[in-house]
Amino acid sequence: MAVCCLLLFVMSDLNIVSGQIGLVAFYGAVVFGVTFLAELLFQGIEQLATKLSHESNYYWVTLITIGMLLAITHSELAGYIGAFFMIILLRGLVVGLICFQRSSH
């Protein structure tokens, strides 16, 4: 999806489609791209924890600690780090609702 939005943005930049579509495509590429990275990070941590026979809680605590240290040392990144973790939480909420809906039927 992010690739499709990025392709629309490039087509808008080349004046093949209108500029308004390019703006929407740019925001779509950013949103879907960040969501893809959040999903990739989530799956990577869970797979690593499973492969090493550890609980994933320790990996999440380490990731949150690194994020907090980055936000403290580089205050300009605090909003981006917070938004990224909010996307991970939103991803968990969506997956939880889907699993709950499937289990109730």
PDB file of N, CA and C in Angstrom:
ATOM      1  N   MET A   1       0.815  -1.176   0.000  1.00  0.00           N
ATOM      2  CA  MET A   1       0.000   0.000   0.000  1.00  0.00           C
ATOM      3  C   MET A   1       0.869   1.254   0.000  1.00  0.00           C
ATOM      4  N   ALA A   2       1.925   1.218   0.800  1.00  0.00           N
ATOM      5  CA  ALA A   2       2.829   2.373   0.844  1.00  0.00           C
ATOM      6  C   ALA A   2       3.498   2.586  -0.511  1.00  0.00           C
ATOM      7  N   VAL A   3       3.822   1.491  -1.188  1.00  0.00           N
ATOM      8  CA  VAL A   3       4.459   1.599  -2.502  1.00  0.00           C
ATOM      9  C   VAL A   3       3.482   2.202  -3.510  1.00  0.00           C
ATOM     10  N   CYS A   4       2.217   1.810  -3.434  1.00  0.00           N
ATOM     11  CA  CYS A   4       1.211   2.384  -4.341  1.00  0.00           C
ATOM     12  C   CYS A   4       1.048   3.877  -4.101  1.00  0.00           C
ATOM     13  N   CYS A   5       1.014   4.276  -2.825  1.00  0.00           N
ATOM     14  CA  CYS A   5       0.897   5.709  -2.516  1.00  0.00           C
ATOM     15  C   CYS A   5       2.133   6.460  -2.986  1.00  0.00           C
ATOM     16  N   LEU A   6       3.291   5.856  -2.819  1.00  0.00           N
ATOM     17  CA  LEU A   6       4.525   6.493  -3.268  1.00  0.00           C
ATOM     18  C   LEU A   6       4.537   6.627  -4.787  1.00  0.00           C
ATOM     19  N   LEU A   7       4.040   5.616  -5.489  1.00  0.00           N
ATOM     20  CA  LEU A   7       3.955   5.678  -6.944  1.00  0.00           C
ATOM     21  C   LEU A   7       3.008   6.796  -7.393  1.00  0.00           C
ATOM     22  N   LEU A   8       1.874   6.944  -6.703  1.00  0.00           N
ATOM     23  CA  LEU A   8       0.963   8.045  -7.024  1.00  0.00           C
ATOM     24  C   LEU A   8       1.615   9.396  -6.775  1.00  0.00           C
ATOM     25  N   PHE A   9       2.406   9.493  -5.700  1.00  0.00           N
ATOM     26  CA  PHE A   9       3.098  10.745  -5.401  1.00  0.00           C
ATOM     27  C   PHE A   9       4.091  11.090  -6.504  1.00  0.00           C
ATOM     28  N   VAL A  10       4.835  10.100  -6.984  1.00  0.00           N
ATOM     29  CA  VAL A  10       5.800  10.333  -8.065  1.00  0.00           C
ATOM     30  C   VAL A  10       5.070  10.729  -9.341  1.00  0.00           C
ATOM     31  N   MET A  11       3.937  10.081  -9.624  1.00  0.00           N
ATOM     32  CA  MET A  11       3.163  10.440 -10.809  1.00  0.00           C
ATOM     33  C   MET A  11       2.644  11.869 -10.710  1.00  0.00           C
ATOM     34  N   SER A  12       2.276  12.291  -9.507  1.00  0.00           N
ATOM     35  CA  SER A  12       1.832  13.671  -9.313  1.00  0.00           C
ATOM     36  C   SER A  12       2.989  14.640  -9.499  1.00  0.00           C
ATOM     37  N   ASP A  13       4.164  14.249  -9.051  1.00  0.00           N
ATOM     38  CA  ASP A  13       5.342  15.098  -9.203  1.00  0.00           C
ATOM     39  C   ASP A  13       5.703  15.277 -10.676  1.00  0.00           C
ATOM     40  N   LEU A  14       5.426  14.268 -11.484  1.00  0.00           N
ATOM     41  CA  LEU A  14       5.699  14.346 -12.920  1.00  0.00           C
ATOM     42  C   LEU A  14       4.528  14.945 -13.691  1.00  0.00           C
ATOM     43  N   ASN A  15       3.526  15.468 -12.974  1.00  0.00           N
ATOM     44  CA  ASN A  15       2.333  16.094 -13.551  1.00  0.00           C
ATOM     45  C   ASN A  15       1.497  15.133 -14.390  1.00  0.00           C
ATOM     46  N   ILE A  16       1.515  13.856 -14.048  1.00  0.00           N
ATOM     47  CA  ILE A  16       0.662  12.879 -14.725  1.00  0.00           C
ATOM     48  C   ILE A  16      -0.732  12.888 -14.099  1.00  0.00           C
ATOM     49  N   VAL A  17      -0.796  13.063 -12.774  1.00  0.00           N
ATOM     50  CA  VAL A  17      -2.074  13.202 -12.063  1.00  0.00           C
ATOM     51  C   VAL A  17      -2.065  14.534 -11.322  1.00  0.00           C
ATOM     52  N   SER A  18      -3.218  14.932 -10.782  1.00  0.00           N
ATOM     53  CA  SER A  18      -3.319  16.251 -10.144  1.00  0.00           C
ATOM     54  C   SER A  18      -2.508  16.317  -8.849  1.00  0.00           C
ATOM     55  N   GLY A  19      -2.224  17.538  -8.439  1.00  0.00           N
ATOM     56  CA  GLY A  19      -1.416  17.763  -7.243  1.00  0.00           C
ATOM     57  C   GLY A  19      -2.107  17.340  -5.964  1.00  0.00           C
ATOM     58  N   GLN A  20      -3.446  17.449  -5.919  1.00  0.00           N
ATOM     59  CA  GLN A  20      -4.176  17.049  -4.716  1.00  0.00           C
ATOM     60  C   GLN A  20      -4.039  15.553  -4.458  1.00  0.00           C
ATOM     61  N   ILE A  21      -4.072  14.765  -5.514  1.00  0.00           N
ATOM     62  CA  ILE A  21      -3.886  13.325  -5.358  1.00  0.00           C
ATOM     63  C   ILE A  21      -2.475  13.041  -4.860  1.00  0.00           C
ATOM     64  N   GLY A  22      -1.514  13.813  -5.334  1.00  0.00           N
ATOM     65  CA  GLY A  22      -0.136  13.642  -4.889  1.00  0.00           C
ATOM     66  C   GLY A  22       0.036  13.931  -3.416  1.00  0.00           C
ATOM     67  N   LEU A  23      -0.676  14.940  -2.904  1.00  0.00           N
ATOM     68  CA  LEU A  23      -0.591  15.268  -1.487  1.00  0.00           C
ATOM     69  C   LEU A  23      -1.184  14.152  -0.636  1.00  0.00           C
ATOM     70  N   VAL A  24      -2.340  13.658  -1.031  1.00  0.00           N
ATOM     71  CA  VAL A  24      -2.962  12.543  -0.317  1.00  0.00           C
ATOM     72  C   VAL A  24      -2.080  11.306  -0.406  1.00  0.00           C
ATOM     73  N   ALA A  25      -1.491  11.073  -1.574  1.00  0.00           N
ATOM     74  CA  ALA A  25      -0.614   9.918  -1.757  1.00  0.00           C
ATOM     75  C   ALA A  25       0.635  10.036  -0.892  1.00  0.00           C
ATOM     76  N   PHE A  26       1.164  11.244  -0.738  1.00  0.00           N
ATOM     77  CA  PHE A  26       2.337  11.438   0.111  1.00  0.00           C
ATOM     78  C   PHE A  26       2.015  11.087   1.557  1.00  0.00           C
ATOM     79  N   TYR A  27       0.897  11.615   2.062  1.00  0.00           N
ATOM     80  CA  TYR A  27       0.512  11.294   3.437  1.00  0.00           C
ATOM     81  C   TYR A  27       0.202   9.806   3.591  1.00  0.00           C
ATOM     82  N   GLY A  28      -0.411   9.212   2.589  1.00  0.00           N
ATOM     83  CA  GLY A  28      -0.670   7.776   2.632  1.00  0.00           C
ATOM     84  C   GLY A  28       0.608   6.971   2.667  1.00  0.00           C
ATOM     85  N   ALA A  29       1.595   7.381   1.868  1.00  0.00           N
ATOM     86  CA  ALA A  29       2.879   6.674   1.859  1.00  0.00           C
ATOM     87  C   ALA A  29       3.570   6.790   3.210  1.00  0.00           C
ATOM     88  N   VAL A  30       3.492   7.959   3.822  1.00  0.00           N
ATOM     89  CA  VAL A  30       4.121   8.139   5.138  1.00  0.00           C
ATOM     90  C   VAL A  30       3.417   7.289   6.189  1.00  0.00           C
ATOM     91  N   VAL A  31       2.090   7.345   6.218  1.00  0.00           N
ATOM     92  CA  VAL A  31       1.337   6.595   7.227  1.00  0.00           C
ATOM     93  C   VAL A  31       1.529   5.096   7.051  1.00  0.00           C
ATOM     94  N   PHE A  32       1.378   4.597   5.828  1.00  0.00           N
ATOM     95  CA  PHE A  32       1.529   3.168   5.608  1.00  0.00           C
ATOM     96  C   PHE A  32       2.978   2.723   5.772  1.00  0.00           C
ATOM     97  N   GLY A  33       3.924   3.577   5.411  1.00  0.00           N
ATOM     98  CA  GLY A  33       5.334   3.239   5.592  1.00  0.00           C
ATOM     99  C   GLY A  33       5.711   3.116   7.053  1.00  0.00           C
ATOM    100  N   VAL A  34       5.254   4.055   7.873  1.00  0.00           N
ATOM    101  CA  VAL A  34       5.545   3.992   9.309  1.00  0.00           C
ATOM    102  C   VAL A  34       4.828   2.810   9.944  1.00  0.00           C
ATOM    103  N   THR A  35       3.601   2.541   9.511  1.00  0.00           N
ATOM    104  CA  THR A  35       2.883   1.376  10.022  1.00  0.00           C
ATOM    105  C   THR A  35       3.603   0.088   9.641  1.00  0.00           C
ATOM    106  N   PHE A  36       4.137   0.026   8.434  1.00  0.00           N
ATOM    107  CA  PHE A  36       4.917  -1.133   8.009  1.00  0.00           C
ATOM    108  C   PHE A  36       6.154  -1.309   8.883  1.00  0.00           C
ATOM    109  N   LEU A  37       6.849  -0.210   9.168  1.00  0.00           N
ATOM    110  CA  LEU A  37       8.031  -0.299  10.027  1.00  0.00           C
ATOM    111  C   LEU A  37       7.664  -0.739  11.437  1.00  0.00           C
ATOM    112  N   ALA A  38       6.540  -0.261  11.957  1.00  0.00           N
ATOM    113  CA  ALA A  38       6.098  -0.680  13.287  1.00  0.00           C
ATOM    114  C   ALA A  38       5.778  -2.172  13.305  1.00  0.00           C
ATOM    115  N   GLU A  39       5.101  -2.648  12.271  1.00  0.00           N
ATOM    116  CA  GLU A  39       4.786  -4.078  12.189  1.00  0.00           C
ATOM    117  C   GLU A  39       6.055  -4.909  12.051  1.00  0.00           C
ATOM    118  N   LEU A  40       6.987  -4.436  11.246  1.00  0.00           N
ATOM    119  CA  LEU A  40       8.255  -5.141  11.073  1.00  0.00           C
ATOM    120  C   LEU A  40       9.024  -5.211  12.387  1.00  0.00           C
ATOM    121  N   LEU A  41       9.057  -4.120  13.126  1.00  0.00           N
ATOM    122  CA  LEU A  41       9.725  -4.102  14.425  1.00  0.00           C
ATOM    123  C   LEU A  41       9.035  -5.046  15.394  1.00  0.00           C
ATOM    124  N   PHE A  42       7.711  -5.005  15.440  1.00  0.00           N
ATOM    125  CA  PHE A  42       6.962  -5.869  16.344  1.00  0.00           C
ATOM    126  C   PHE A  42       7.219  -7.342  16.036  1.00  0.00           C
ATOM    127  N   GLN A  43       7.096  -7.706  14.770  1.00  0.00           N
ATOM    128  CA  GLN A  43       7.315  -9.103  14.392  1.00  0.00           C
ATOM    129  C   GLN A  43       8.763  -9.528  14.626  1.00  0.00           C
ATOM    130  N   GLY A  44       9.703  -8.617  14.370  1.00  0.00           N
ATOM    131  CA  GLY A  44      11.115  -8.931  14.600  1.00  0.00           C
ATOM    132  C   GLY A  44      11.407  -9.217  16.054  1.00  0.00           C
ATOM    133  N   ILE A  45      10.855  -8.402  16.950  1.00  0.00           N
ATOM    134  CA  ILE A  45      11.079  -8.621  18.380  1.00  0.00           C
ATOM    135  C   ILE A  45      10.435  -9.921  18.829  1.00  0.00           C
ATOM    136  N   GLU A  46       9.223 -10.178  18.399  1.00  0.00           N
ATOM    137  CA  GLU A  46       8.546 -11.414  18.799  1.00  0.00           C
ATOM    138  C   GLU A  46       9.266 -12.654  18.255  1.00  0.00           C
ATOM    139  N   GLN A  47       9.730 -12.601  17.008  1.00  0.00           N
ATOM    140  CA  GLN A  47      10.448 -13.742  16.432  1.00  0.00           C
ATOM    141  C   GLN A  47      11.787 -13.964  17.125  1.00  0.00           C
ATOM    142  N   LEU A  48      12.491 -12.883  17.430  1.00  0.00           N
ATOM    143  CA  LEU A  48      13.773 -12.999  18.128  1.00  0.00           C
ATOM    144  C   LEU A  48      13.586 -13.600  19.511  1.00  0.00           C
ATOM    145  N   ALA A  49      12.567 -13.157  20.221  1.00  0.00           N
ATOM    146  CA  ALA A  49      12.305 -13.700  21.552  1.00  0.00           C
ATOM    147  C   ALA A  49      11.943 -15.178  21.480  1.00  0.00           C
ATOM    148  N   THR A  50      11.170 -15.554  20.479  1.00  0.00           N
ATOM    149  CA  THR A  50      10.800 -16.961  20.322  1.00  0.00           C
ATOM    150  C   THR A  50      12.008 -17.806  19.953  1.00  0.00           C
ATOM    151  N   LYS A  51      12.833 -17.297  19.055  1.00  0.00           N
ATOM    152  CA  LYS A  51      13.998 -18.054  18.603  1.00  0.00           C
ATOM    153  C   LYS A  51      14.998 -18.273  19.731  1.00  0.00           C
ATOM    154  N   LEU A  52      15.156 -17.268  20.591  1.00  0.00           N
ATOM    155  CA  LEU A  52      16.110 -17.374  21.693  1.00  0.00           C
ATOM    156  C   LEU A  52      15.475 -17.914  22.972  1.00  0.00           C
ATOM    157  N   SER A  53      14.219 -18.329  22.899  1.00  0.00           N
ATOM    158  CA  SER A  53      13.471 -18.874  24.037  1.00  0.00           C
ATOM    159  C   SER A  53      13.448 -17.911  25.217  1.00  0.00           C
ATOM    160  N   HIS A  54      13.257 -16.649  24.945  1.00  0.00           N
ATOM    161  CA  HIS A  54      13.128 -15.625  25.976  1.00  0.00           C
ATOM    162  C   HIS A  54      11.718 -15.069  25.945  1.00  0.00           C
ATOM    163  N   GLU A  55      11.371 -14.352  27.008  1.00  0.00           N
ATOM    164  CA  GLU A  55      10.113 -13.616  26.984  1.00  0.00           C
ATOM    165  C   GLU A  55      10.341 -12.301  26.262  1.00  0.00           C
ATOM    166  N   SER A  56       9.371 -11.891  25.482  1.00  0.00           N
ATOM    167  CA  SER A  56       9.539 -10.666  24.703  1.00  0.00           C
ATOM    168  C   SER A  56       9.450  -9.413  25.567  1.00  0.00           C
ATOM    169  N   ASN A  57       8.988  -9.543  26.814  1.00  0.00           N
ATOM    170  CA  ASN A  57       8.865  -8.372  27.693  1.00  0.00           C
ATOM    171  C   ASN A  57      10.202  -7.672  27.875  1.00  0.00           C
ATOM    172  N   TYR A  58      11.272  -8.445  27.993  1.00  0.00           N
ATOM    173  CA  TYR A  58      12.595  -7.848  28.198  1.00  0.00           C
ATOM    174  C   TYR A  58      13.038  -7.049  26.971  1.00  0.00           C
ATOM    175  N   TYR A  59      12.704  -7.526  25.801  1.00  0.00           N
ATOM    176  CA  TYR A  59      13.055  -6.808  24.580  1.00  0.00           C
ATOM    177  C   TYR A  59      12.259  -5.512  24.469  1.00  0.00           C
ATOM    178  N   TRP A  60      10.982  -5.570  24.856  1.00  0.00           N
ATOM    179  CA  TRP A  60      10.167  -4.359  24.808  1.00  0.00           C
ATOM    180  C   TRP A  60      10.657  -3.318  25.810  1.00  0.00           C
ATOM    181  N   VAL A  61      11.047  -3.777  27.005  1.00  0.00           N
ATOM    182  CA  VAL A  61      11.581  -2.842  28.005  1.00  0.00           C
ATOM    183  C   VAL A  61      12.864  -2.203  27.493  1.00  0.00           C
ATOM    184  N   THR A  62      13.707  -2.990  26.849  1.00  0.00           N
ATOM    185  CA  THR A  62      14.947  -2.451  26.283  1.00  0.00           C
ATOM    186  C   THR A  62      14.641  -1.426  25.196  1.00  0.00           C
ATOM    187  N   LEU A  63      13.692  -1.728  24.324  1.00  0.00           N
ATOM    188  CA  LEU A  63      13.325  -0.801  23.255  1.00  0.00           C
ATOM    189  C   LEU A  63      12.744   0.496  23.815  1.00  0.00           C
ATOM    190  N   ILE A  64      11.900   0.387  24.825  1.00  0.00           N
ATOM    191  CA  ILE A  64      11.319   1.583  25.437  1.00  0.00           C
ATOM    192  C   ILE A  64      12.392   2.405  26.133  1.00  0.00           C
ATOM    193  N   THR A  65      13.337   1.737  26.792  1.00  0.00           N
ATOM    194  CA  THR A  65      14.434   2.456  27.447  1.00  0.00           C
ATOM    195  C   THR A  65      15.283   3.200  26.426  1.00  0.00           C
ATOM    196  N   ILE A  66      15.586   2.554  25.324  1.00  0.00           N
ATOM    197  CA  ILE A  66      16.361   3.216  24.263  1.00  0.00           C
ATOM    198  C   ILE A  66      15.580   4.406  23.710  1.00  0.00           C
ATOM    199  N   GLY A  67      14.277   4.224  23.511  1.00  0.00           N
ATOM    200  CA  GLY A  67      13.446   5.324  23.031  1.00  0.00           C
ATOM    201  C   GLY A  67      13.408   6.488  24.006  1.00  0.00           C
ATOM    202  N   MET A  68      13.316   6.177  25.300  1.00  0.00           N
ATOM    203  CA  MET A  68      13.307   7.242  26.309  1.00  0.00           C
ATOM    204  C   MET A  68      14.639   7.976  26.354  1.00  0.00           C
ATOM    205  N   LEU A  69      15.735   7.223  26.283  1.00  0.00           N
ATOM    206  CA  LEU A  69      17.051   7.864  26.295  1.00  0.00           C
ATOM    207  C   LEU A  69      17.251   8.748  25.066  1.00  0.00           C
ATOM    208  N   LEU A  70      16.789   8.270  23.915  1.00  0.00           N
ATOM    209  CA  LEU A  70      16.872   9.096  22.705  1.00  0.00           C
ATOM    210  C   LEU A  70      16.025  10.358  22.832  1.00  0.00           C
ATOM    211  N   ALA A  71      14.841  10.218  23.410  1.00  0.00           N
ATOM    212  CA  ALA A  71      13.965  11.382  23.570  1.00  0.00           C
ATOM    213  C   ALA A  71      14.547  12.388  24.555  1.00  0.00           C
ATOM    214  N   ILE A  72      15.253  11.903  25.576  1.00  0.00           N
ATOM    215  CA  ILE A  72      15.857  12.812  26.554  1.00  0.00           C
ATOM    216  C   ILE A  72      17.071  13.510  25.960  1.00  0.00           C
ATOM    217  N   THR A  73      17.915  12.758  25.273  1.00  0.00           N
ATOM    218  CA  THR A  73      19.142  13.360  24.741  1.00  0.00           C
ATOM    219  C   THR A  73      18.895  14.192  23.488  1.00  0.00           C
ATOM    220  N   HIS A  74      17.916  13.815  22.688  1.00  0.00           N
ATOM    221  CA  HIS A  74      17.579  14.557  21.466  1.00  0.00           C
ATOM    222  C   HIS A  74      16.103  14.930  21.541  1.00  0.00           C
ATOM    223  N   SER A  75      15.810  16.042  22.177  1.00  0.00           N
ATOM    224  CA  SER A  75      14.417  16.421  22.431  1.00  0.00           C
ATOM    225  C   SER A  75      13.618  16.654  21.148  1.00  0.00           C
ATOM    226  N   GLU A  76      14.290  16.951  20.045  1.00  0.00           N
ATOM    227  CA  GLU A  76      13.559  17.158  18.788  1.00  0.00           C
ATOM    228  C   GLU A  76      12.980  15.855  18.242  1.00  0.00           C
ATOM    229  N   LEU A  77      13.463  14.716  18.720  1.00  0.00           N
ATOM    230  CA  LEU A  77      12.950  13.422  18.271  1.00  0.00           C
ATOM    231  C   LEU A  77      11.823  12.892  19.147  1.00  0.00           C
ATOM    232  N   ALA A  78      11.528  13.568  20.250  1.00  0.00           N
ATOM    233  CA  ALA A  78      10.556  13.053  21.218  1.00  0.00           C
ATOM    234  C   ALA A  78       9.181  12.838  20.590  1.00  0.00           C
ATOM    235  N   GLY A  79       8.720  13.756  19.780  1.00  0.00           N
ATOM    236  CA  GLY A  79       7.413  13.609  19.142  1.00  0.00           C
ATOM    237  C   GLY A  79       7.359  12.434  18.187  1.00  0.00           C
ATOM    238  N   TYR A  80       8.424  12.255  17.426  1.00  0.00           N
ATOM    239  CA  TYR A  80       8.471  11.136  16.481  1.00  0.00           C
ATOM    240  C   TYR A  80       8.522   9.793  17.202  1.00  0.00           C
ATOM    241  N   ILE A  81       9.304   9.733  18.272  1.00  0.00           N
ATOM    242  CA  ILE A  81       9.401   8.493  19.044  1.00  0.00           C
ATOM    243  C   ILE A  81       8.054   8.172  19.684  1.00  0.00           C
ATOM    244  N   GLY A  82       7.408   9.191  20.245  1.00  0.00           N
ATOM    245  CA  GLY A  82       6.084   8.985  20.832  1.00  0.00           C
ATOM    246  C   GLY A  82       5.063   8.539  19.807  1.00  0.00           C
ATOM    247  N   ALA A  83       5.090   9.144  18.636  1.00  0.00           N
ATOM    248  CA  ALA A  83       4.153   8.760  17.577  1.00  0.00           C
ATOM    249  C   ALA A  83       4.400   7.328  17.114  1.00  0.00           C
ATOM    250  N   PHE A  84       5.670   6.935  17.038  1.00  0.00           N
ATOM    251  CA  PHE A  84       5.985   5.575  16.608  1.00  0.00           C
ATOM    252  C   PHE A  84       5.459   4.551  17.612  1.00  0.00           C
ATOM    253  N   PHE A  85       5.643   4.831  18.907  1.00  0.00           N
ATOM    254  CA  PHE A  85       5.128   3.912  19.914  1.00  0.00           C
ATOM    255  C   PHE A  85       3.602   3.912  19.942  1.00  0.00           C
ATOM    256  N   MET A  86       2.987   5.047  19.645  1.00  0.00           N
ATOM    257  CA  MET A  86       1.527   5.081  19.566  1.00  0.00           C
ATOM    258  C   MET A  86       1.026   4.232  18.398  1.00  0.00           C
ATOM    259  N   ILE A  87       1.759   4.230  17.293  1.00  0.00           N
ATOM    260  CA  ILE A  87       1.380   3.394  16.154  1.00  0.00           C
ATOM    261  C   ILE A  87       1.512   1.919  16.516  1.00  0.00           C
ATOM    262  N   ILE A  88       2.554   1.566  17.275  1.00  0.00           N
ATOM    263  CA  ILE A  88       2.697   0.177  17.718  1.00  0.00           C
ATOM    264  C   ILE A  88       1.535  -0.202  18.638  1.00  0.00           C
ATOM    265  N   LEU A  89       1.145   0.706  19.542  1.00  0.00           N
ATOM    266  CA  LEU A  89       0.004   0.433  20.414  1.00  0.00           C
ATOM    267  C   LEU A  89      -1.292   0.313  19.619  1.00  0.00           C
ATOM    268  N   LEU A  90      -1.472   1.168  18.630  1.00  0.00           N
ATOM    269  CA  LEU A  90      -2.659   1.099  17.785  1.00  0.00           C
ATOM    270  C   LEU A  90      -2.699  -0.209  17.010  1.00  0.00           C
ATOM    271  N   ARG A  91      -1.547  -0.653  16.554  1.00  0.00           N
ATOM    272  CA  ARG A  91      -1.455  -1.938  15.856  1.00  0.00           C
ATOM    273  C   ARG A  91      -1.890  -3.072  16.779  1.00  0.00           C
ATOM    274  N   GLY A  92      -1.424  -3.040  18.023  1.00  0.00           N
ATOM    275  CA  GLY A  92      -1.819  -4.059  18.993  1.00  0.00           C
ATOM    276  C   GLY A  92      -3.306  -4.035  19.282  1.00  0.00           C
ATOM    277  N   LEU A  93      -3.882  -2.844  19.345  1.00  0.00           N
ATOM    278  CA  LEU A  93      -5.316  -2.716  19.585  1.00  0.00           C
ATOM    279  C   LEU A  93      -6.119  -3.296  18.429  1.00  0.00           C
ATOM    280  N   VAL A  94      -5.722  -2.992  17.209  1.00  0.00           N
ATOM    281  CA  VAL A  94      -6.430  -3.507  16.031  1.00  0.00           C
ATOM    282  C   VAL A  94      -6.330  -5.028  15.969  1.00  0.00           C
ATOM    283  N   VAL A  95      -5.142  -5.566  16.185  1.00  0.00           N
ATOM    284  CA  VAL A  95      -4.968  -7.023  16.147  1.00  0.00           C
ATOM    285  C   VAL A  95      -5.751  -7.686  17.275  1.00  0.00           C
ATOM    286  N   GLY A  96      -5.748  -7.073  18.456  1.00  0.00           N
ATOM    287  CA  GLY A  96      -6.518  -7.616  19.573  1.00  0.00           C
ATOM    288  C   GLY A  96      -8.007  -7.639  19.290  1.00  0.00           C
ATOM    289  N   LEU A  97      -8.522  -6.573  18.684  1.00  0.00           N
ATOM    290  CA  LEU A  97      -9.942  -6.539  18.339  1.00  0.00           C
ATOM    291  C   LEU A  97     -10.292  -7.578  17.283  1.00  0.00           C
ATOM    292  N   ILE A  98      -9.410  -7.764  16.314  1.00  0.00           N
ATOM    293  CA  ILE A  98      -9.655  -8.778  15.281  1.00  0.00           C
ATOM    294  C   ILE A  98      -9.658 -10.173  15.896  1.00  0.00           C
ATOM    295  N   CYS A  99      -8.692 -10.456  16.764  1.00  0.00           N
ATOM    296  CA  CYS A  99      -8.639 -11.773  17.421  1.00  0.00           C
ATOM    297  C   CYS A  99      -9.850 -11.986  18.321  1.00  0.00           C
ATOM    298  N   PHE A 100     -10.286 -10.942  19.024  1.00  0.00           N
ATOM    299  CA  PHE A 100     -11.463 -11.051  19.884  1.00  0.00           C
ATOM    300  C   PHE A 100     -12.709 -11.328  19.059  1.00  0.00           C
ATOM    301  N   GLN A 101     -12.829 -10.650  17.926  1.00  0.00           N
ATOM    302  CA  GLN A 101     -13.994 -10.842  17.070  1.00  0.00           C
ATOM    303  C   GLN A 101     -14.014 -12.257  16.498  1.00  0.00           C
ATOM    304  N   ARG A 102     -12.856 -12.769  16.129  1.00  0.00           N
ATOM    305  CA  ARG A 102     -12.801 -14.132  15.577  1.00  0.00           C
ATOM    306  C   ARG A 102     -13.107 -15.176  16.642  1.00  0.00           C
ATOM    307  N   SER A 103     -12.657 -14.942  17.875  1.00  0.00           N
ATOM    308  CA  SER A 103     -12.877 -15.935  18.926  1.00  0.00           C
ATOM    309  C   SER A 103     -14.316 -15.926  19.425  1.00  0.00           C
ATOM    310  N   SER A 104     -15.036 -14.830  19.248  1.00  0.00           N
ATOM    311  CA  SER A 104     -16.416 -14.765  19.728  1.00  0.00           C
ATOM    312  C   SER A 104     -17.395 -15.464  18.788  1.00  0.00           C
ATOM    313  N   HIS A 105     -16.974 -15.783  17.584  1.00  0.00           N
ATOM    314  CA  HIS A 105     -17.877 -16.468  16.640  1.00  0.00           C
ATOM    315  C   HIS A 105     -17.714 -17.934  16.693  1.00  0.00           C
TER     316      HIS A 105
END
